[in-house]
Amino acid sequence: MTTTPANRIDRLFADRSRKRFIPFITVGDPTLEATFQLIQGIAEAGADLFELGIPYSDPLADGPTIQRASQRALKNGVSIKDALQLVTRLRDSGMEAGLVLFTYVNPVFQYGIERFFADLAASGADGVVIPDLPVEESGPAVAAAQKHGVHVISLVAPTSDARIQMIGEQATGFLYCVSSLGVTGARSELRSDLTDFLARVRESTNAPTAVGFGISTPEQVRTLAPHADAVIVGSAIVREIERYESELKDPATTGEAVGKIKNFVHQLTSALQ
């Protein structure tokens, strides 16, 4: 008799035969209501799991596009609490997609590690990405996450085989493969050795792999899909949100703007088929 995994990430990747799509959007950009509607629309466009960025004043891993999104959300006073309340609202609305928060070490420490993971689980979230938390220092966070049935998603970059192996062995949920060194941002070309890196990562871990950072076009999604279990697109989607900022902020035109972004995402998810 097989049992169904309790965590949505584990349920999602129990079937590795289908490639998954993971969009990143910043919570509260340009408003919390727009974020709620965007997530619903993007889920209808084929997204399987969402990476929801909590706005932060010093986002070390984020390029200019996502930095601007954070600034727009921070002007609205958006906090960890708002992000957790958004997750709760999404679950109450029937949202079944995986939901993973993206934040940094300092906000989690200030919130309190134990309290953060308890509230994360209570909201209905499935995990968290903390890009500036080294694996060597992740013990307390991982222990709290395991206690509450959620995942700390590890990131792995093109580096030494020994480090890839170490990160791969302890990864849970899925392993976030950083396609290029540096900050996030849409790129016209991908690293020539990217598929070799992804093969090295897959050999190091039993966890599903998701590739992100710089992926922005259907062609890039189509190219990388055979080499990972999921593809992550962030800046390209955030750039579309920025493009339609005024329409998203106006309740009279929010739905129309969401529809345009939904169509953009559908082009990306269709490339996985």
C-alpha atoms as a PDB file:
ATOM      1  CA  MET A   1       0.000   0.000   0.000  1.00  0.00           C
ATOM      2  CA  THR A   2       1.392   3.416  -0.968  1.00  0.00           C
ATOM      3  CA  THR A   3       0.718   6.538   1.059  1.00  0.00           C
ATOM      4  CA  THR A   4       0.110   9.986  -0.373  1.00  0.00           C
ATOM      5  CA  PRO A   5       2.772  12.518   0.671  1.00  0.00           C
ATOM      6  CA  ALA A   6       1.403  15.207   2.967  1.00  0.00           C
ATOM      7  CA  ASN A   7       3.444  18.052   1.478  1.00  0.00           C
ATOM      8  CA  ARG A   8       2.210  19.387  -1.869  1.00  0.00           C
ATOM      9  CA  ILE A   9       5.762  19.613  -3.247  1.00  0.00           C
ATOM     10  CA  ASP A  10       6.275  15.913  -2.585  1.00  0.00           C
ATOM     11  CA  ARG A  11       2.908  15.104  -4.150  1.00  0.00           C
ATOM     12  CA  LEU A  12       3.704  17.220  -7.186  1.00  0.00           C
ATOM     13  CA  PHE A  13       7.020  15.529  -7.888  1.00  0.00           C
ATOM     14  CA  ALA A  14       5.865  12.002  -7.050  1.00  0.00           C
ATOM     15  CA  ASP A  15       5.270  11.740 -10.791  1.00  0.00           C
ATOM     16  CA  ARG A  16       8.503  12.663 -12.555  1.00  0.00           C
ATOM     17  CA  SER A  17       7.129  11.853 -16.013  1.00  0.00           C
ATOM     18  CA  ARG A  18       5.662  15.347 -16.409  1.00  0.00           C
ATOM     19  CA  LYS A  19       7.731  18.531 -16.400  1.00  0.00           C
ATOM     20  CA  ARG A  20       6.572  21.241 -13.994  1.00  0.00           C
ATOM     21  CA  PHE A  21       6.442  25.019 -14.285  1.00  0.00           C
ATOM     22  CA  ILE A  22       7.330  27.304 -11.366  1.00  0.00           C
ATOM     23  CA  PRO A  23       6.748  31.061 -11.710  1.00  0.00           C
ATOM     24  CA  PHE A  24       8.202  33.656  -9.339  1.00  0.00           C
ATOM     25  CA  ILE A  25       6.239  36.768  -8.427  1.00  0.00           C
ATOM     26  CA  THR A  26       6.738  39.357  -5.705  1.00  0.00           C
ATOM     27  CA  VAL A  27       4.001  39.527  -3.061  1.00  0.00           C
ATOM     28  CA  GLY A  28       2.302  42.936  -3.103  1.00  0.00           C
ATOM     29  CA  ASP A  29       3.549  44.011  -6.533  1.00  0.00           C
ATOM     30  CA  PRO A  30       1.811  46.199  -7.416  1.00  0.00           C
ATOM     31  CA  THR A  31      -0.866  45.428  -4.773  1.00  0.00           C
ATOM     32  CA  LEU A  32      -1.793  42.463  -2.596  1.00  0.00           C
ATOM     33  CA  GLU A  33      -5.138  42.134  -4.387  1.00  0.00           C
ATOM     34  CA  ALA A  34      -3.403  42.078  -7.766  1.00  0.00           C
ATOM     35  CA  THR A  35      -1.014  39.391  -6.496  1.00  0.00           C
ATOM     36  CA  PHE A  36      -3.949  37.242  -5.400  1.00  0.00           C
ATOM     37  CA  GLN A  37      -5.608  37.534  -8.809  1.00  0.00           C
ATOM     38  CA  LEU A  38      -2.313  37.012 -10.659  1.00  0.00           C
ATOM     39  CA  ILE A  39      -1.624  33.760  -8.838  1.00  0.00           C
ATOM     40  CA  GLN A  40      -5.084  32.475  -9.673  1.00  0.00           C
ATOM     41  CA  GLY A  41      -4.698  33.446 -13.326  1.00  0.00           C
ATOM     42  CA  ILE A  42      -1.186  32.046 -13.669  1.00  0.00           C
ATOM     43  CA  ALA A  43      -2.319  28.773 -12.068  1.00  0.00           C
ATOM     44  CA  GLU A  44      -4.980  28.531 -14.772  1.00  0.00           C
ATOM     45  CA  ALA A  45      -2.204  29.074 -17.346  1.00  0.00           C
ATOM     46  CA  GLY A  46      -0.496  25.884 -16.189  1.00  0.00           C
ATOM     47  CA  ALA A  47       1.719  26.793 -13.237  1.00  0.00           C
ATOM     48  CA  ASP A  48       2.265  23.885 -10.849  1.00  0.00           C
ATOM     49  CA  LEU A  49       4.039  25.587  -7.957  1.00  0.00           C
ATOM     50  CA  PHE A  50       4.602  29.244  -7.085  1.00  0.00           C
ATOM     51  CA  GLU A  51       7.675  30.944  -5.669  1.00  0.00           C
ATOM     52  CA  LEU A  52       6.337  33.978  -3.812  1.00  0.00           C
ATOM     53  CA  GLY A  53       8.913  36.632  -3.044  1.00  0.00           C
ATOM     54  CA  ILE A  54       8.602  38.506   0.225  1.00  0.00           C
ATOM     55  CA  PRO A  55       9.820  42.059  -0.528  1.00  0.00           C
ATOM     56  CA  TYR A  56      13.119  42.906   1.128  1.00  0.00           C
ATOM     57  CA  SER A  57      15.219  46.063   1.159  1.00  0.00           C
ATOM     58  CA  ASP A  58      18.543  44.311   0.464  1.00  0.00           C
ATOM     59  CA  PRO A  59      17.749  41.440  -1.961  1.00  0.00           C
ATOM     60  CA  LEU A  60      21.253  40.139  -2.653  1.00  0.00           C
ATOM     61  CA  ALA A  61      20.230  37.464  -5.169  1.00  0.00           C
ATOM     62  CA  ASP A  62      17.794  39.617  -7.117  1.00  0.00           C
ATOM     63  CA  GLY A  63      18.551  41.534 -10.278  1.00  0.00           C
ATOM     64  CA  PRO A  64      17.140  44.976 -11.180  1.00  0.00           C
ATOM     65  CA  THR A  65      13.701  43.771 -12.326  1.00  0.00           C
ATOM     66  CA  ILE A  66      12.886  41.968  -9.080  1.00  0.00           C
ATOM     67  CA  GLN A  67      14.557  44.698  -7.005  1.00  0.00           C
ATOM     68  CA  ARG A  68      12.109  47.196  -8.493  1.00  0.00           C
ATOM     69  CA  ALA A  69       9.230  44.839  -7.716  1.00  0.00           C
ATOM     70  CA  SER A  70      10.408  44.632  -4.105  1.00  0.00           C
ATOM     71  CA  GLN A  71      10.555  48.417  -3.883  1.00  0.00           C
ATOM     72  CA  ARG A  72       7.002  48.731  -5.220  1.00  0.00           C
ATOM     73  CA  ALA A  73       5.769  46.197  -2.675  1.00  0.00           C
ATOM     74  CA  LEU A  74       7.736  47.759   0.196  1.00  0.00           C
ATOM     75  CA  LYS A  75       6.066  51.083  -0.549  1.00  0.00           C
ATOM     76  CA  ASN A  76       2.812  49.250   0.199  1.00  0.00           C
ATOM     77  CA  GLY A  77       4.246  48.109   3.548  1.00  0.00           C
ATOM     78  CA  VAL A  78       4.121  44.423   2.568  1.00  0.00           C
ATOM     79  CA  SER A  79       5.638  42.107   5.197  1.00  0.00           C
ATOM     80  CA  ILE A  80       6.094  38.424   6.028  1.00  0.00           C
ATOM     81  CA  LYS A  81       2.742  38.565   7.800  1.00  0.00           C
ATOM     82  CA  ASP A  82       1.046  39.827   4.626  1.00  0.00           C
ATOM     83  CA  ALA A  83       2.644  37.023   2.600  1.00  0.00           C
ATOM     84  CA  LEU A  84       1.417  34.393   5.062  1.00  0.00           C
ATOM     85  CA  GLN A  85      -2.078  35.896   5.046  1.00  0.00           C
ATOM     86  CA  LEU A  86      -2.043  35.785   1.235  1.00  0.00           C
ATOM     87  CA  VAL A  87      -1.170  32.078   1.321  1.00  0.00           C
ATOM     88  CA  THR A  88      -4.036  31.462   3.756  1.00  0.00           C
ATOM     89  CA  ARG A  89      -6.423  33.364   1.485  1.00  0.00           C
ATOM     90  CA  LEU A  90      -5.271  31.346  -1.527  1.00  0.00           C
ATOM     91  CA  ARG A  91      -5.811  28.063   0.316  1.00  0.00           C
ATOM     92  CA  ASP A  92      -9.233  29.219   1.505  1.00  0.00           C
ATOM     93  CA  SER A  93     -10.087  29.970  -2.141  1.00  0.00           C
ATOM     94  CA  GLY A  94      -9.276  26.383  -3.123  1.00  0.00           C
ATOM     95  CA  MET A  95      -5.790  26.895  -4.547  1.00  0.00           C
ATOM     96  CA  GLU A  96      -4.094  23.489  -4.828  1.00  0.00           C
ATOM     97  CA  ALA A  97      -0.786  24.508  -6.423  1.00  0.00           C
ATOM     98  CA  GLY A  98       2.351  24.313  -4.328  1.00  0.00           C
ATOM     99  CA  LEU A  99       3.271  27.592  -2.606  1.00  0.00           C
ATOM    100  CA  VAL A 100       6.851  28.343  -1.579  1.00  0.00           C
ATOM    101  CA  LEU A 101       7.934  31.638  -0.035  1.00  0.00           C
ATOM    102  CA  PHE A 102      11.207  33.287  -1.054  1.00  0.00           C
ATOM    103  CA  THR A 103      12.915  35.414   1.591  1.00  0.00           C
ATOM    104  CA  TYR A 104      16.257  36.131   3.243  1.00  0.00           C
ATOM    105  CA  VAL A 105      17.953  35.160   6.489  1.00  0.00           C
ATOM    106  CA  ASN A 106      17.554  38.433   8.375  1.00  0.00           C
ATOM    107  CA  PRO A 107      13.745  38.667   8.102  1.00  0.00           C
ATOM    108  CA  VAL A 108      13.429  35.035   9.230  1.00  0.00           C
ATOM    109  CA  PHE A 109      15.739  35.591  12.217  1.00  0.00           C
ATOM    110  CA  GLN A 110      13.874  38.762  13.167  1.00  0.00           C
ATOM    111  CA  TYR A 111      10.539  36.967  12.901  1.00  0.00           C
ATOM    112  CA  GLY A 112      11.900  34.014  14.910  1.00  0.00           C
ATOM    113  CA  ILE A 113      12.885  30.723  13.292  1.00  0.00           C
ATOM    114  CA  GLU A 114      10.443  28.496  15.192  1.00  0.00           C
ATOM    115  CA  ARG A 115       7.582  30.983  14.876  1.00  0.00           C
ATOM    116  CA  PHE A 116       8.289  31.490  11.176  1.00  0.00           C
ATOM    117  CA  PHE A 117       8.082  27.799  10.307  1.00  0.00           C
ATOM    118  CA  ALA A 118       5.056  27.229  12.523  1.00  0.00           C
ATOM    119  CA  ASP A 119       3.226  30.117  10.838  1.00  0.00           C
ATOM    120  CA  LEU A 120       4.474  29.019   7.397  1.00  0.00           C
ATOM    121  CA  ALA A 121       2.912  25.594   7.857  1.00  0.00           C
ATOM    122  CA  ALA A 122      -0.272  26.982   9.423  1.00  0.00           C
ATOM    123  CA  SER A 123      -0.816  29.287   6.440  1.00  0.00           C
ATOM    124  CA  GLY A 124      -0.761  26.361   4.016  1.00  0.00           C
ATOM    125  CA  ALA A 125       2.649  27.047   2.466  1.00  0.00           C
ATOM    126  CA  ASP A 126       4.820  24.089   1.500  1.00  0.00           C
ATOM    127  CA  GLY A 127       8.324  25.456   1.862  1.00  0.00           C
ATOM    128  CA  VAL A 128      10.731  28.376   1.707  1.00  0.00           C
ATOM    129  CA  VAL A 129      13.734  29.429  -0.339  1.00  0.00           C
ATOM    130  CA  ILE A 130      16.388  31.383   1.612  1.00  0.00           C
ATOM    131  CA  PRO A 131      19.171  32.111  -0.896  1.00  0.00           C
ATOM    132  CA  ASP A 132      21.621  33.650   1.579  1.00  0.00           C
ATOM    133  CA  LEU A 133      21.397  30.740   4.042  1.00  0.00           C
ATOM    134  CA  PRO A 134      24.484  28.549   3.483  1.00  0.00           C
ATOM    135  CA  VAL A 135      23.877  24.832   3.770  1.00  0.00           C
ATOM    136  CA  GLU A 136      26.508  24.696   6.504  1.00  0.00           C
ATOM    137  CA  GLU A 137      24.407  27.049   8.670  1.00  0.00           C
ATOM    138  CA  SER A 138      20.937  25.749   7.797  1.00  0.00           C
ATOM    139  CA  GLY A 139      20.576  23.226  10.637  1.00  0.00           C
ATOM    140  CA  PRO A 140      18.191  25.182  12.904  1.00  0.00           C
ATOM    141  CA  ALA A 141      15.968  26.208   9.991  1.00  0.00           C
ATOM    142  CA  VAL A 142      15.878  22.693   8.543  1.00  0.00           C
ATOM    143  CA  ALA A 143      15.029  21.205  11.941  1.00  0.00           C
ATOM    144  CA  ALA A 144      12.160  23.669  12.439  1.00  0.00           C
ATOM    145  CA  ALA A 145      10.930  23.045   8.893  1.00  0.00           C
ATOM    146  CA  GLN A 146      10.927  19.273   9.354  1.00  0.00           C
ATOM    147  CA  LYS A 147       9.050  19.647  12.632  1.00  0.00           C
ATOM    148  CA  HIS A 148       6.248  21.465  10.812  1.00  0.00           C
ATOM    149  CA  GLY A 149       6.210  19.376   7.628  1.00  0.00           C
ATOM    150  CA  VAL A 150       7.601  21.963   5.204  1.00  0.00           C
ATOM    151  CA  HIS A 151      10.789  22.146   3.141  1.00  0.00           C
ATOM    152  CA  VAL A 152      13.794  24.440   3.113  1.00  0.00           C
ATOM    153  CA  ILE A 153      14.607  24.435  -0.595  1.00  0.00           C
ATOM    154  CA  SER A 154      18.357  24.316  -1.251  1.00  0.00           C
ATOM    155  CA  LEU A 155      20.071  26.189  -4.065  1.00  0.00           C
ATOM    156  CA  VAL A 156      23.028  24.789  -5.981  1.00  0.00           C
ATOM    157  CA  ALA A 157      25.201  26.766  -8.403  1.00  0.00           C
ATOM    158  CA  PRO A 158      27.798  25.725 -10.989  1.00  0.00           C
ATOM    159  CA  THR A 159      30.669  24.999  -8.630  1.00  0.00           C
ATOM    160  CA  SER A 160      32.857  22.100  -7.509  1.00  0.00           C
ATOM    161  CA  ASP A 161      31.637  18.513  -7.749  1.00  0.00           C
ATOM    162  CA  ALA A 162      32.251  18.092  -4.005  1.00  0.00           C
ATOM    163  CA  ARG A 163      29.975  20.993  -3.087  1.00  0.00           C
ATOM    164  CA  ILE A 164      27.291  19.932  -5.552  1.00  0.00           C
ATOM    165  CA  GLN A 165      27.401  16.457  -4.010  1.00  0.00           C
ATOM    166  CA  MET A 166      27.109  17.819  -0.458  1.00  0.00           C
ATOM    167  CA  ILE A 167      24.133  20.022  -1.297  1.00  0.00           C
ATOM    168  CA  GLY A 168      22.478  17.331  -3.396  1.00  0.00           C
ATOM    169  CA  GLU A 169      22.643  14.717  -0.663  1.00  0.00           C
ATOM    170  CA  GLN A 170      20.759  16.839   1.878  1.00  0.00           C
ATOM    171  CA  ALA A 171      18.216  18.451  -0.484  1.00  0.00           C
ATOM    172  CA  THR A 172      14.503  17.947   0.167  1.00  0.00           C
ATOM    173  CA  GLY A 173      11.409  19.109  -1.690  1.00  0.00           C
ATOM    174  CA  PHE A 174      13.297  20.024  -4.825  1.00  0.00           C
ATOM    175  CA  LEU A 175      16.794  21.261  -5.580  1.00  0.00           C
ATOM    176  CA  TYR A 176      16.924  24.747  -7.086  1.00  0.00           C
ATOM    177  CA  CYS A 177      19.632  24.721  -9.775  1.00  0.00           C
ATOM    178  CA  VAL A 178      20.981  28.229 -10.368  1.00  0.00           C
ATOM    179  CA  SER A 179      21.630  28.402 -14.098  1.00  0.00           C
ATOM    180  CA  SER A 180      24.200  31.196 -13.857  1.00  0.00           C
ATOM    181  CA  LEU A 181      26.343  32.860 -11.231  1.00  0.00           C
ATOM    182  CA  GLY A 182      25.260  36.330 -10.140  1.00  0.00           C
ATOM    183  CA  VAL A 183      21.808  37.808  -9.632  1.00  0.00           C
ATOM    184  CA  THR A 184      18.482  36.940 -11.218  1.00  0.00           C
ATOM    185  CA  GLY A 185      17.413  38.502 -14.485  1.00  0.00           C
ATOM    186  CA  ALA A 186      16.172  37.573 -17.931  1.00  0.00           C
ATOM    187  CA  ARG A 187      19.011  36.614 -20.265  1.00  0.00           C
ATOM    188  CA  SER A 188      19.114  36.297 -24.034  1.00  0.00           C
ATOM    189  CA  GLU A 189      21.516  33.353 -23.893  1.00  0.00           C
ATOM    190  CA  LEU A 190      22.121  30.521 -21.446  1.00  0.00           C
ATOM    191  CA  ARG A 191      25.496  29.126 -20.362  1.00  0.00           C
ATOM    192  CA  SER A 192      26.941  26.715 -22.896  1.00  0.00           C
ATOM    193  CA  ASP A 193      27.776  24.230 -20.132  1.00  0.00           C
ATOM    194  CA  LEU A 194      24.382  24.438 -18.419  1.00  0.00           C
ATOM    195  CA  THR A 195      23.162  20.982 -19.443  1.00  0.00           C
ATOM    196  CA  ASP A 196      26.417  19.461 -18.179  1.00  0.00           C
ATOM    197  CA  PHE A 197      25.896  21.213 -14.828  1.00  0.00           C
ATOM    198  CA  LEU A 198      22.325  19.923 -14.596  1.00  0.00           C
ATOM    199  CA  ALA A 199      23.543  16.386 -15.297  1.00  0.00           C
ATOM    200  CA  ARG A 200      26.096  16.705 -12.471  1.00  0.00           C
ATOM    201  CA  VAL A 201      23.373  17.876 -10.111  1.00  0.00           C
ATOM    202  CA  ARG A 202      21.026  15.020 -11.024  1.00  0.00           C
ATOM    203  CA  GLU A 203      23.792  12.523 -10.293  1.00  0.00           C
ATOM    204  CA  SER A 204      24.255  14.043  -6.818  1.00  0.00           C
ATOM    205  CA  THR A 205      20.683  13.855  -5.520  1.00  0.00           C
ATOM    206  CA  ASN A 206      17.477  11.890  -5.254  1.00  0.00           C
ATOM    207  CA  ALA A 207      15.499  15.145  -4.984  1.00  0.00           C
ATOM    208  CA  PRO A 208      13.695  16.572  -8.011  1.00  0.00           C
ATOM    209  CA  THR A 209      15.612  19.333  -9.784  1.00  0.00           C
ATOM    210  CA  ALA A 210      14.305  22.724 -10.911  1.00  0.00           C
ATOM    211  CA  VAL A 211      16.377  25.124 -12.996  1.00  0.00           C
ATOM    212  CA  GLY A 212      16.037  28.903 -12.727  1.00  0.00           C
ATOM    213  CA  PHE A 213      17.808  32.300 -12.947  1.00  0.00           C
ATOM    214  CA  GLY A 214      17.754  33.934 -16.364  1.00  0.00           C
ATOM    215  CA  ILE A 215      15.177  31.735 -18.106  1.00  0.00           C
ATOM    216  CA  SER A 216      12.803  34.019 -19.961  1.00  0.00           C
ATOM    217  CA  THR A 217      11.566  32.623 -23.288  1.00  0.00           C
ATOM    218  CA  PRO A 218       9.560  29.622 -24.473  1.00  0.00           C
ATOM    219  CA  GLU A 219      12.609  28.513 -26.462  1.00  0.00           C
ATOM    220  CA  GLN A 220      14.770  28.455 -23.323  1.00  0.00           C
ATOM    221  CA  VAL A 221      12.060  26.575 -21.417  1.00  0.00           C
ATOM    222  CA  ARG A 222      11.834  24.021 -24.236  1.00  0.00           C
ATOM    223  CA  THR A 223      15.627  23.602 -24.311  1.00  0.00           C
ATOM    224  CA  LEU A 224      16.016  23.030 -20.569  1.00  0.00           C
ATOM    225  CA  ALA A 225      12.908  20.954 -19.851  1.00  0.00           C
ATOM    226  CA  PRO A 226      14.539  17.612 -20.775  1.00  0.00           C
ATOM    227  CA  HIS A 227      17.350  18.255 -18.301  1.00  0.00           C
ATOM    228  CA  ALA A 228      15.361  18.996 -15.107  1.00  0.00           C
ATOM    229  CA  ASP A 229      12.068  18.131 -13.438  1.00  0.00           C
ATOM    230  CA  ALA A 230      10.889  21.750 -13.419  1.00  0.00           C
ATOM    231  CA  VAL A 231      11.687  25.120 -14.945  1.00  0.00           C
ATOM    232  CA  ILE A 232      11.522  28.367 -12.940  1.00  0.00           C
ATOM    233  CA  VAL A 233      10.789  31.721 -14.597  1.00  0.00           C
ATOM    234  CA  GLY A 234      10.914  34.904 -12.534  1.00  0.00           C
ATOM    235  CA  SER A 235      12.180  38.168 -13.988  1.00  0.00           C
ATOM    236  CA  ALA A 236      10.412  37.733 -17.330  1.00  0.00           C
ATOM    237  CA  ILE A 237       7.047  37.439 -15.534  1.00  0.00           C
ATOM    238  CA  VAL A 238       7.829  40.244 -13.079  1.00  0.00           C
ATOM    239  CA  ARG A 239       8.753  42.419 -16.068  1.00  0.00           C
ATOM    240  CA  GLU A 240       5.258  41.821 -17.525  1.00  0.00           C
ATOM    241  CA  ILE A 241       3.710  42.735 -14.173  1.00  0.00           C
ATOM    242  CA  GLU A 242       5.734  45.961 -14.223  1.00  0.00           C
ATOM    243  CA  ARG A 243       4.581  46.619 -17.795  1.00  0.00           C
ATOM    244  CA  TYR A 244       0.933  46.458 -16.730  1.00  0.00           C
ATOM    245  CA  GLU A 245       1.411  48.051 -13.298  1.00  0.00           C
ATOM    246  CA  SER A 246      -1.139  50.850 -13.706  1.00  0.00           C
ATOM    247  CA  GLU A 247      -3.796  48.489 -15.088  1.00  0.00           C
ATOM    248  CA  LEU A 248      -3.201  45.983 -12.275  1.00  0.00           C
ATOM    249  CA  LYS A 249      -3.584  48.705  -9.637  1.00  0.00           C
ATOM    250  CA  ASP A 250      -6.934  49.878 -11.029  1.00  0.00           C
ATOM    251  CA  PRO A 251      -9.756  47.523  -9.955  1.00  0.00           C
ATOM    252  CA  ALA A 252     -11.596  48.371 -13.172  1.00  0.00           C
ATOM    253  CA  THR A 253      -8.774  46.968 -15.332  1.00  0.00           C
ATOM    254  CA  THR A 254      -7.109  44.405 -13.046  1.00  0.00           C
ATOM    255  CA  GLY A 255      -8.877  41.454 -14.643  1.00  0.00           C
ATOM    256  CA  GLU A 256      -7.894  42.480 -18.175  1.00  0.00           C
ATOM    257  CA  ALA A 257      -4.242  42.945 -17.163  1.00  0.00           C
ATOM    258  CA  VAL A 258      -4.194  39.593 -15.385  1.00  0.00           C
ATOM    259  CA  GLY A 259      -5.507  38.031 -18.594  1.00  0.00           C
ATOM    260  CA  LYS A 260      -2.604  39.478 -20.596  1.00  0.00           C
ATOM    261  CA  ILE A 261      -0.031  38.124 -18.136  1.00  0.00           C
ATOM    262  CA  LYS A 262      -1.858  34.797 -18.041  1.00  0.00           C
ATOM    263  CA  ASN A 263      -1.476  34.571 -21.836  1.00  0.00           C
ATOM    264  CA  PHE A 264       2.249  35.347 -21.554  1.00  0.00           C
ATOM    265  CA  VAL A 265       2.724  32.576 -18.994  1.00  0.00           C
ATOM    266  CA  HIS A 266       0.700  30.153 -21.104  1.00  0.00           C
ATOM    267  CA  GLN A 267       3.296  30.546 -23.871  1.00  0.00           C
ATOM    268  CA  LEU A 268       5.955  29.454 -21.376  1.00  0.00           C
ATOM    269  CA  THR A 269       4.015  26.507 -19.931  1.00  0.00           C
ATOM    270  CA  SER A 270       3.096  25.314 -23.418  1.00  0.00           C
ATOM    271  CA  ALA A 271       6.812  24.930 -24.155  1.00  0.00           C
ATOM    272  CA  LEU A 272       6.972  22.157 -21.541  1.00  0.00           C
ATOM    273  CA  GLN A 273       4.585  19.910 -23.445  1.00  0.00           C
END
